[in-house]
């Protein structure tokens, strides 16, 4: 299997993930609106803003990933055909450059989950607890997304190292 196949597979996985992230964001925004509109309790009404903010962030991330990875899909093939070794080296540098993001998402989740619990323990305010739910949802979704993203990135990076080792 040539290296471009690995690159293509990686990008297709990123595109699927982008669609899922954007869809999650939209669903979260719609859920916040429905809780606010159809809910009858203060707690349901308080979810509008936290879920909307979480949904907007995830929708923006998903759309941004869709745009950037679609552009990358087109440029990848051209770059690969021009100079395979330079392409592989640039991919190695690029993949190494975003690995820190996985650590950051785990740190964010590690902070947001206890913060959610503290918000629930220290406040009975529906708005404060709504923000706690928004934080927990944001952290959980981030962990799920990065769980699969990191797996794909690790697989892709191993393929990069294998190609470099063989050349």
C-alpha atoms as a PDB file:
ATOM      1  CA  UNK A   1       0.000   0.000   0.000  1.00  0.00           C
ATOM      2  CA  UNK A   2       1.464   3.360  -0.958  1.00  0.00           C
ATOM      3  CA  UNK A   3       1.682   6.162   1.563  1.00  0.00           C
ATOM      4  CA  UNK A   4      -0.950   8.302  -0.149  1.00  0.00           C
ATOM      5  CA  UNK A   5      -3.521   5.634   0.701  1.00  0.00           C
ATOM      6  CA  UNK A   6      -2.689   6.148   4.400  1.00  0.00           C
ATOM      7  CA  UNK A   7      -3.068   9.913   3.975  1.00  0.00           C
ATOM      8  CA  UNK A   8      -6.364   9.520   2.162  1.00  0.00           C
ATOM      9  CA  UNK A   9      -7.691   7.156   4.838  1.00  0.00           C
ATOM     10  CA  UNK A  10      -6.635   9.546   7.578  1.00  0.00           C
ATOM     11  CA  UNK A  11      -8.363  12.508   5.923  1.00  0.00           C
ATOM     12  CA  UNK A  12     -11.543  10.539   5.261  1.00  0.00           C
ATOM     13  CA  UNK A  13     -11.626   9.688   8.969  1.00  0.00           C
ATOM     14  CA  UNK A  14     -11.157  13.361   9.807  1.00  0.00           C
ATOM     15  CA  UNK A  15     -14.007  14.296   7.461  1.00  0.00           C
ATOM     16  CA  UNK A  16     -16.320  11.758   9.091  1.00  0.00           C
ATOM     17  CA  UNK A  17     -15.325  13.074  12.498  1.00  0.00           C
ATOM     18  CA  UNK A  18     -15.979  16.647  11.327  1.00  0.00           C
ATOM     19  CA  UNK A  19     -19.471  15.721  10.184  1.00  0.00           C
ATOM     20  CA  UNK A  20     -20.176  14.027  13.512  1.00  0.00           C
ATOM     21  CA  UNK A  21     -18.806  16.982  15.507  1.00  0.00           C
ATOM     22  CA  UNK A  22     -20.840  19.519  13.532  1.00  0.00           C
ATOM     23  CA  UNK A  23     -23.939  17.329  13.853  1.00  0.00           C
ATOM     24  CA  UNK A  24     -23.392  16.997  17.595  1.00  0.00           C
ATOM     25  CA  UNK A  25     -23.074  20.766  17.850  1.00  0.00           C
ATOM     26  CA  UNK A  26     -26.288  21.356  15.947  1.00  0.00           C
ATOM     27  CA  UNK A  27     -28.126  18.696  17.962  1.00  0.00           C
ATOM     28  CA  UNK A  28     -26.855  20.261  21.193  1.00  0.00           C
ATOM     29  CA  UNK A  29     -28.076  23.710  20.123  1.00  0.00           C
ATOM     30  CA  UNK A  30     -31.469  22.304  19.125  1.00  0.00           C
ATOM     31  CA  UNK A  31     -31.661  20.455  22.448  1.00  0.00           C
ATOM     32  CA  UNK A  32     -30.937  23.649  24.362  1.00  0.00           C
ATOM     33  CA  UNK A  33     -33.642  25.458  22.437  1.00  0.00           C
ATOM     34  CA  UNK A  34     -36.157  22.641  22.998  1.00  0.00           C
ATOM     35  CA  UNK A  35     -35.390  22.487  26.726  1.00  0.00           C
ATOM     36  CA  UNK A  36     -35.977  26.242  26.904  1.00  0.00           C
ATOM     37  CA  UNK A  37     -39.073  26.305  24.700  1.00  0.00           C
ATOM     38  CA  UNK A  38     -40.838  23.135  25.818  1.00  0.00           C
ATOM     39  CA  UNK A  39     -39.445  22.691  29.314  1.00  0.00           C
ATOM     40  CA  UNK A  40     -41.595  23.684  32.241  1.00  0.00           C
ATOM     41  CA  UNK A  41     -39.021  23.817  35.037  1.00  0.00           C
ATOM     42  CA  UNK A  42     -36.341  26.397  35.847  1.00  0.00           C
ATOM     43  CA  UNK A  43     -33.664  23.747  35.289  1.00  0.00           C
ATOM     44  CA  UNK A  44     -34.833  23.046  31.736  1.00  0.00           C
ATOM     45  CA  UNK A  45     -35.073  26.771  30.947  1.00  0.00           C
ATOM     46  CA  UNK A  46     -31.540  27.289  32.287  1.00  0.00           C
ATOM     47  CA  UNK A  47     -30.030  24.943  29.693  1.00  0.00           C
ATOM     48  CA  UNK A  48     -30.598  27.282  26.728  1.00  0.00           C
ATOM     49  CA  UNK A  49     -27.392  29.286  26.969  1.00  0.00           C
ATOM     50  CA  UNK A  50     -24.963  26.554  28.161  1.00  0.00           C
ATOM     51  CA  UNK A  51     -26.128  24.089  25.515  1.00  0.00           C
ATOM     52  CA  UNK A  52     -26.197  26.786  22.849  1.00  0.00           C
ATOM     53  CA  UNK A  53     -22.622  27.825  23.665  1.00  0.00           C
ATOM     54  CA  UNK A  54     -21.428  24.206  23.672  1.00  0.00           C
ATOM     55  CA  UNK A  55     -23.287  23.559  20.414  1.00  0.00           C
ATOM     56  CA  UNK A  56     -21.899  26.659  18.716  1.00  0.00           C
ATOM     57  CA  UNK A  57     -18.342  25.732  19.681  1.00  0.00           C
ATOM     58  CA  UNK A  58     -18.701  22.162  18.425  1.00  0.00           C
ATOM     59  CA  UNK A  59     -20.485  23.260  15.245  1.00  0.00           C
ATOM     60  CA  UNK A  60     -17.695  25.741  14.519  1.00  0.00           C
ATOM     61  CA  UNK A  61     -15.050  23.092  15.150  1.00  0.00           C
ATOM     62  CA  UNK A  62     -16.829  20.597  12.880  1.00  0.00           C
ATOM     63  CA  UNK A  63     -17.351  23.066  10.036  1.00  0.00           C
ATOM     64  CA  UNK A  64     -13.763  24.279  10.331  1.00  0.00           C
ATOM     65  CA  UNK A  65     -12.525  20.686  10.133  1.00  0.00           C
ATOM     66  CA  UNK A  66     -14.721  20.031   7.095  1.00  0.00           C
ATOM     67  CA  UNK A  67     -13.360  23.049   5.254  1.00  0.00           C
ATOM     68  CA  UNK A  68      -9.702  22.518   6.141  1.00  0.00           C
ATOM     69  CA  UNK A  69      -9.696  18.767   5.492  1.00  0.00           C
ATOM     70  CA  UNK A  70     -11.517  19.089   2.165  1.00  0.00           C
ATOM     71  CA  UNK A  71      -8.848  21.601   1.092  1.00  0.00           C
ATOM     72  CA  UNK A  72      -6.153  19.299   2.437  1.00  0.00           C
ATOM     73  CA  UNK A  73      -7.574  16.331   0.494  1.00  0.00           C
ATOM     74  CA  UNK A  74      -7.104  18.244  -2.761  1.00  0.00           C
ATOM     75  CA  UNK A  75      -3.644  19.562  -1.922  1.00  0.00           C
ATOM     76  CA  UNK A  76      -2.396  16.241  -0.522  1.00  0.00           C
ATOM     77  CA  UNK A  77      -2.537  14.401  -3.807  1.00  0.00           C
ATOM     78  CA  UNK A  78      -0.787  17.211  -5.641  1.00  0.00           C
ATOM     79  CA  UNK A  79       1.957  17.481  -3.015  1.00  0.00           C
ATOM     80  CA  UNK A  80       2.388  13.713  -2.904  1.00  0.00           C
ATOM     81  CA  UNK A  81       2.798  13.457  -6.674  1.00  0.00           C
ATOM     82  CA  UNK A  82       5.311  16.316  -6.780  1.00  0.00           C
ATOM     83  CA  UNK A  83       7.700  14.925  -4.148  1.00  0.00           C
ATOM     84  CA  UNK A  84       6.729  11.876  -2.127  1.00  0.00           C
ATOM     85  CA  UNK A  85       9.575  12.137   0.411  1.00  0.00           C
ATOM     86  CA  UNK A  86       8.999  15.851   1.047  1.00  0.00           C
ATOM     87  CA  UNK A  87       5.294  15.132   1.474  1.00  0.00           C
ATOM     88  CA  UNK A  88       5.963  12.387   4.028  1.00  0.00           C
ATOM     89  CA  UNK A  89       8.381  14.626   5.944  1.00  0.00           C
ATOM     90  CA  UNK A  90       5.878  17.486   5.970  1.00  0.00           C
ATOM     91  CA  UNK A  91       3.208  15.107   7.239  1.00  0.00           C
ATOM     92  CA  UNK A  92       5.539  13.904   9.973  1.00  0.00           C
ATOM     93  CA  UNK A  93       6.097  17.479  11.102  1.00  0.00           C
ATOM     94  CA  UNK A  94       2.384  18.323  10.883  1.00  0.00           C
ATOM     95  CA  UNK A  95       1.272  15.265  12.883  1.00  0.00           C
ATOM     96  CA  UNK A  96       3.933  15.883  15.524  1.00  0.00           C
ATOM     97  CA  UNK A  97       2.739  19.485  15.695  1.00  0.00           C
ATOM     98  CA  UNK A  98      -0.817  18.702  16.789  1.00  0.00           C
ATOM     99  CA  UNK A  99      -0.117  15.858  19.234  1.00  0.00           C
ATOM    100  CA  UNK A 100      -0.121  18.279  22.173  1.00  0.00           C
ATOM    101  CA  UNK A 101      -3.833  18.881  21.540  1.00  0.00           C
ATOM    102  CA  UNK A 102      -4.722  15.449  22.852  1.00  0.00           C
ATOM    103  CA  UNK A 103      -3.010  16.206  26.154  1.00  0.00           C
ATOM    104  CA  UNK A 104      -4.794  19.547  26.356  1.00  0.00           C
ATOM    105  CA  UNK A 105      -8.207  17.940  25.818  1.00  0.00           C
ATOM    106  CA  UNK A 106      -7.527  15.465  28.622  1.00  0.00           C
ATOM    107  CA  UNK A 107      -6.474  18.311  30.913  1.00  0.00           C
ATOM    108  CA  UNK A 108      -9.596  20.305  30.018  1.00  0.00           C
ATOM    109  CA  UNK A 109     -11.803  17.293  30.728  1.00  0.00           C
ATOM    110  CA  UNK A 110      -9.944  16.669  33.988  1.00  0.00           C
ATOM    111  CA  UNK A 111     -10.753  20.237  35.042  1.00  0.00           C
ATOM    112  CA  UNK A 112     -14.313  20.453  33.686  1.00  0.00           C
ATOM    113  CA  UNK A 113     -15.631  17.258  35.285  1.00  0.00           C
ATOM    114  CA  UNK A 114     -14.667  18.190  38.872  1.00  0.00           C
ATOM    115  CA  UNK A 115     -15.779  21.769  38.186  1.00  0.00           C
ATOM    116  CA  UNK A 116     -19.187  20.416  37.191  1.00  0.00           C
ATOM    117  CA  UNK A 117     -19.435  18.529  40.478  1.00  0.00           C
ATOM    118  CA  UNK A 118     -18.406  21.604  42.439  1.00  0.00           C
ATOM    119  CA  UNK A 119     -21.023  23.703  40.663  1.00  0.00           C
ATOM    120  CA  UNK A 120     -23.690  21.155  41.611  1.00  0.00           C
ATOM    121  CA  UNK A 121     -22.508  20.862  45.219  1.00  0.00           C
ATOM    122  CA  UNK A 122     -22.064  24.553  45.890  1.00  0.00           C
ATOM    123  CA  UNK A 123     -25.037  25.998  44.078  1.00  0.00           C
ATOM    124  CA  UNK A 124     -28.692  25.240  43.736  1.00  0.00           C
ATOM    125  CA  UNK A 125     -29.061  27.851  41.000  1.00  0.00           C
ATOM    126  CA  UNK A 126     -30.502  26.350  37.806  1.00  0.00           C
ATOM    127  CA  UNK A 127     -28.272  28.655  35.728  1.00  0.00           C
ATOM    128  CA  UNK A 128     -25.090  27.591  37.535  1.00  0.00           C
ATOM    129  CA  UNK A 129     -26.019  23.927  37.337  1.00  0.00           C
ATOM    130  CA  UNK A 130     -26.916  24.395  33.665  1.00  0.00           C
ATOM    131  CA  UNK A 131     -23.401  25.672  33.056  1.00  0.00           C
ATOM    132  CA  UNK A 132     -22.118  22.592  34.883  1.00  0.00           C
ATOM    133  CA  UNK A 133     -24.056  20.366  32.512  1.00  0.00           C
ATOM    134  CA  UNK A 134     -22.693  22.367  29.567  1.00  0.00           C
ATOM    135  CA  UNK A 135     -19.118  21.946  30.852  1.00  0.00           C
ATOM    136  CA  UNK A 136     -19.561  18.211  31.424  1.00  0.00           C
ATOM    137  CA  UNK A 137     -21.085  17.737  27.979  1.00  0.00           C
ATOM    138  CA  UNK A 138     -18.290  19.763  26.397  1.00  0.00           C
ATOM    139  CA  UNK A 139     -15.635  17.677  28.178  1.00  0.00           C
ATOM    140  CA  UNK A 140     -17.262  14.324  27.450  1.00  0.00           C
ATOM    141  CA  UNK A 141     -17.741  15.105  23.770  1.00  0.00           C
ATOM    142  CA  UNK A 142     -14.143  16.299  23.547  1.00  0.00           C
ATOM    143  CA  UNK A 143     -12.858  13.071  25.054  1.00  0.00           C
ATOM    144  CA  UNK A 144     -14.954  10.953  22.700  1.00  0.00           C
ATOM    145  CA  UNK A 145     -13.810  12.928  19.658  1.00  0.00           C
ATOM    146  CA  UNK A 146     -10.150  12.855  20.662  1.00  0.00           C
ATOM    147  CA  UNK A 147     -10.309   9.172  21.582  1.00  0.00           C
ATOM    148  CA  UNK A 148     -10.880   8.259  17.936  1.00  0.00           C
ATOM    149  CA  UNK A 149      -8.853  11.118  16.510  1.00  0.00           C
ATOM    150  CA  UNK A 150      -5.769  10.147  18.504  1.00  0.00           C
ATOM    151  CA  UNK A 151      -6.118   6.534  17.423  1.00  0.00           C
ATOM    152  CA  UNK A 152      -6.200   7.600  13.754  1.00  0.00           C
ATOM    153  CA  UNK A 153      -3.314  10.018  14.260  1.00  0.00           C
ATOM    154  CA  UNK A 154      -1.201   7.317  15.949  1.00  0.00           C
ATOM    155  CA  UNK A 155      -1.909   4.869  13.130  1.00  0.00           C
ATOM    156  CA  UNK A 156      -1.064   7.508  10.535  1.00  0.00           C
ATOM    157  CA  UNK A 157       2.122   8.475  12.372  1.00  0.00           C
ATOM    158  CA  UNK A 158       3.254   4.827  12.478  1.00  0.00           C
ATOM    159  CA  UNK A 159       2.729   4.670   8.696  1.00  0.00           C
ATOM    160  CA  UNK A 160       4.809   7.838   8.298  1.00  0.00           C
ATOM    161  CA  UNK A 161       7.637   6.375  10.373  1.00  0.00           C
ATOM    162  CA  UNK A 162       7.474   3.118   8.442  1.00  0.00           C
ATOM    163  CA  UNK A 163       7.801   4.918   5.093  1.00  0.00           C
ATOM    164  CA  UNK A 164      10.702   7.010   6.418  1.00  0.00           C
ATOM    165  CA  UNK A 165      12.394   3.919   7.814  1.00  0.00           C
ATOM    166  CA  UNK A 166      12.123   2.122   4.462  1.00  0.00           C
ATOM    167  CA  UNK A 167      13.544   5.083   2.498  1.00  0.00           C
END
